[in-house]
Amino acid sequence: MSKKDLTRKVANMKARIAELEPLVKRDPLKKHPQIHEELEKLKKGLQEV
């Protein structure tokens, strides 16, 4: 993967995390577990990159 592709991937992940965090904060009882799972997956993926 080129450096440009990697930079774009990281930027997309950060943007999606920024979208999901307010949704997760408004759902403390985890009535929508898919958004919680996606956020955790993105955060873990961001740490690996």
Protein backbone atom coordinates (compact mmCIF):
# COMPACT_ATOMS: atom_id res chain seq x y z
CA MET A 1 0.00 0.00 0.00
CA SER A 2 1.43 3.36 -0.96
CA LYS A 3 1.95 6.15 1.52
CA LYS A 4 -0.82 8.19 -0.13
CA ASP A 5 -3.27 5.28 0.16
CA LEU A 6 -2.33 4.76 3.79
CA THR A 7 -2.83 8.46 4.57
CA ARG A 8 -6.23 8.41 2.89
CA LYS A 9 -7.25 5.26 4.77
CA VAL A 10 -6.28 6.79 8.13
CA ALA A 11 -8.13 10.02 7.30
CA ASN A 12 -11.27 8.08 6.38
CA MET A 13 -11.08 6.07 9.59
CA LYS A 14 -10.70 9.23 11.69
CA ALA A 15 -13.64 10.86 9.92
CA ARG A 16 -15.87 7.83 10.55
CA ILE A 17 -14.80 7.75 14.21
CA ALA A 18 -15.75 11.43 14.51
CA GLU A 19 -19.19 10.60 13.07
CA LEU A 20 -19.78 7.65 15.39
CA GLU A 21 -18.60 9.08 18.72
CA PRO A 22 -21.61 11.41 19.23
CA LEU A 23 -23.96 8.54 18.36
CA VAL A 24 -22.28 6.25 20.87
CA LYS A 25 -22.42 8.91 23.59
CA ARG A 26 -26.16 9.26 23.05
CA ASP A 27 -26.60 5.48 23.35
CA PRO A 28 -25.16 4.55 26.77
CA LEU A 29 -27.43 1.51 27.15
CA LYS A 30 -26.11 0.02 23.87
CA LYS A 31 -29.51 -0.36 22.26
CA HIS A 32 -27.68 -0.17 18.92
CA PRO A 33 -24.70 -2.49 19.43
CA GLN A 34 -23.58 -2.29 15.79
CA ILE A 35 -22.39 1.32 16.16
CA HIS A 36 -20.48 0.44 19.33
CA GLU A 37 -18.83 -2.52 17.59
CA GLU A 38 -17.93 -0.46 14.52
CA LEU A 39 -16.38 2.27 16.67
CA GLU A 40 -14.26 -0.23 18.60
CA LYS A 41 -13.18 -1.91 15.36
CA LEU A 42 -12.15 1.42 13.83
CA LYS A 43 -10.23 2.49 16.93
CA LYS A 44 -8.40 -0.83 17.03
CA GLY A 45 -7.62 -0.57 13.30
CA LEU A 46 -6.31 2.96 13.76
CA GLN A 47 -3.94 1.78 16.48
CA GLU A 48 -2.57 -0.97 14.25
CA VAL A 49 -1.77 1.43 11.40
